[in-house]
Amino acid sequence: MAWIMLVVAGLFEVVWAFSMKQSAGFTKLVPSLVTIAGMIVSFVLLAFSMRSLPLGTAYTIWTGIGAVGSFIAGIIFLGEHLNFPRICAALLIVSGLILMKMSSE
């Protein structure tokens, strides 16, 4: 159950990061509210998952899902540039997440 909460927390990190971009520096109400709600849900689920997962594992997986998910969302929804170095960087992050999961208790 902790792993499911952690993955969902990571997905909500993507939601709040994307919404923060859409809020234009918190000048737009709805994206600003989605950002704050997404942050709360993400942090609460992260905290619950940390009850049974090691700090380093939980935090690394959470930030990794957020980083790679935001990278993908930016490309798909915002037309952000995709190039070889950015792909390599995302693959390195995913590799780190896999290793972290494999090394956790």
Protein backbone atom coordinates (compact mmCIF):
# COMPACT_ATOMS: atom_id res chain seq x y z
CA MET A 1 0.00 0.00 0.00
CA ALA A 2 2.89 2.38 0.75
CA TRP A 3 4.21 2.00 -2.78
CA ILE A 4 0.81 2.79 -4.29
CA MET A 5 0.52 5.91 -2.12
CA LEU A 6 4.04 6.92 -3.14
CA VAL A 7 3.33 6.57 -6.86
CA VAL A 8 0.08 8.53 -6.52
CA ALA A 9 1.96 11.19 -4.50
CA GLY A 10 4.47 11.43 -7.36
CA LEU A 11 1.68 11.82 -9.89
CA PHE A 12 0.16 14.61 -7.81
CA GLU A 13 3.59 16.25 -7.82
CA VAL A 14 3.31 16.36 -11.60
CA VAL A 15 -0.19 17.85 -11.27
CA TRP A 16 0.94 20.65 -8.98
CA ALA A 17 4.07 21.41 -10.99
CA PHE A 18 2.07 21.62 -14.22
CA SER A 19 -0.62 23.73 -12.54
CA MET A 20 2.00 26.03 -11.10
CA LYS A 21 3.28 26.68 -14.61
CA GLN A 22 -0.29 27.36 -15.75
CA SER A 23 -0.89 29.73 -12.81
CA ALA A 24 1.52 32.30 -14.32
CA GLY A 25 3.18 33.05 -11.01
CA PHE A 26 -0.03 32.52 -9.00
CA THR A 27 -1.85 35.23 -10.97
CA LYS A 28 -4.59 32.86 -12.22
CA LEU A 29 -7.01 31.61 -9.57
CA VAL A 30 -8.00 28.13 -10.76
CA PRO A 31 -4.50 26.87 -11.60
CA SER A 32 -3.27 28.37 -8.33
CA LEU A 33 -5.92 26.48 -6.35
CA VAL A 34 -5.12 23.25 -8.23
CA THR A 35 -1.43 23.79 -7.40
CA ILE A 36 -2.12 24.18 -3.69
CA ALA A 37 -4.53 21.22 -3.58
CA GLY A 38 -2.09 19.06 -5.53
CA MET A 39 0.73 19.98 -3.16
CA ILE A 40 -1.33 19.07 -0.12
CA VAL A 41 -2.40 15.70 -1.54
CA SER A 42 1.13 14.95 -2.72
CA PHE A 43 2.75 15.80 0.62
CA VAL A 44 0.15 13.90 2.65
CA LEU A 45 0.52 10.76 0.55
CA LEU A 46 4.31 11.05 0.70
CA ALA A 47 4.13 11.34 4.48
CA PHE A 48 1.89 8.27 4.74
CA SER A 49 4.19 6.25 2.50
CA MET A 50 7.16 7.24 4.66
CA ARG A 51 5.58 5.43 7.60
CA SER A 52 6.90 2.18 6.17
CA LEU A 53 9.38 3.14 3.43
CA PRO A 54 12.89 4.45 4.06
CA LEU A 55 13.28 8.22 3.75
CA GLY A 56 15.85 8.06 0.97
CA THR A 57 13.83 5.63 -1.09
CA ALA A 58 10.51 7.41 -0.68
CA TYR A 59 11.85 10.89 -1.35
CA THR A 60 13.95 9.81 -4.33
CA ILE A 61 11.07 7.95 -5.97
CA TRP A 62 8.68 10.85 -5.29
CA THR A 63 10.94 13.49 -6.78
CA GLY A 64 11.89 11.23 -9.67
CA ILE A 65 8.27 10.62 -10.65
CA GLY A 66 7.68 14.35 -10.39
CA ALA A 67 10.74 15.23 -12.46
CA VAL A 68 10.19 12.74 -15.26
CA GLY A 69 6.43 13.21 -15.22
CA SER A 70 6.81 16.99 -15.47
CA PHE A 71 9.33 16.54 -18.28
CA ILE A 72 6.83 14.40 -20.21
CA ALA A 73 3.89 16.73 -19.45
CA GLY A 74 5.91 19.70 -20.65
CA ILE A 75 6.65 17.98 -23.94
CA ILE A 76 3.11 16.72 -24.52
CA PHE A 77 1.05 19.66 -23.29
CA LEU A 78 3.35 22.67 -23.50
CA GLY A 79 5.35 21.87 -26.62
CA GLU A 80 8.66 21.95 -24.75
CA HIS A 81 11.74 20.98 -26.73
CA LEU A 82 12.77 17.35 -26.92
CA ASN A 83 16.37 16.54 -27.71
CA PHE A 84 18.88 13.77 -27.13
CA PRO A 85 20.51 15.20 -23.97
CA ARG A 86 17.11 15.73 -22.32
CA ILE A 87 16.05 12.18 -23.19
CA CYS A 88 19.32 10.84 -21.75
CA ALA A 89 18.81 12.85 -18.56
CA ALA A 90 15.27 11.48 -18.13
CA LEU A 91 16.52 7.93 -18.74
CA LEU A 92 19.21 8.41 -16.10
CA ILE A 93 16.58 9.54 -13.61
CA VAL A 94 14.41 6.51 -14.41
CA SER A 95 17.47 4.24 -14.06
CA GLY A 96 18.12 5.73 -10.64
CA LEU A 97 14.52 5.14 -9.61
CA ILE A 98 14.72 1.50 -10.66
CA LEU A 99 17.97 1.01 -8.75
CA MET A 100 16.53 2.72 -5.68
CA LYS A 101 13.46 0.46 -5.78
CA MET A 102 15.61 -2.64 -6.26
CA SER A 103 17.84 -1.71 -3.33
CA SER A 104 15.04 -0.91 -0.89
CA GLU A 105 14.11 -3.37 1.82
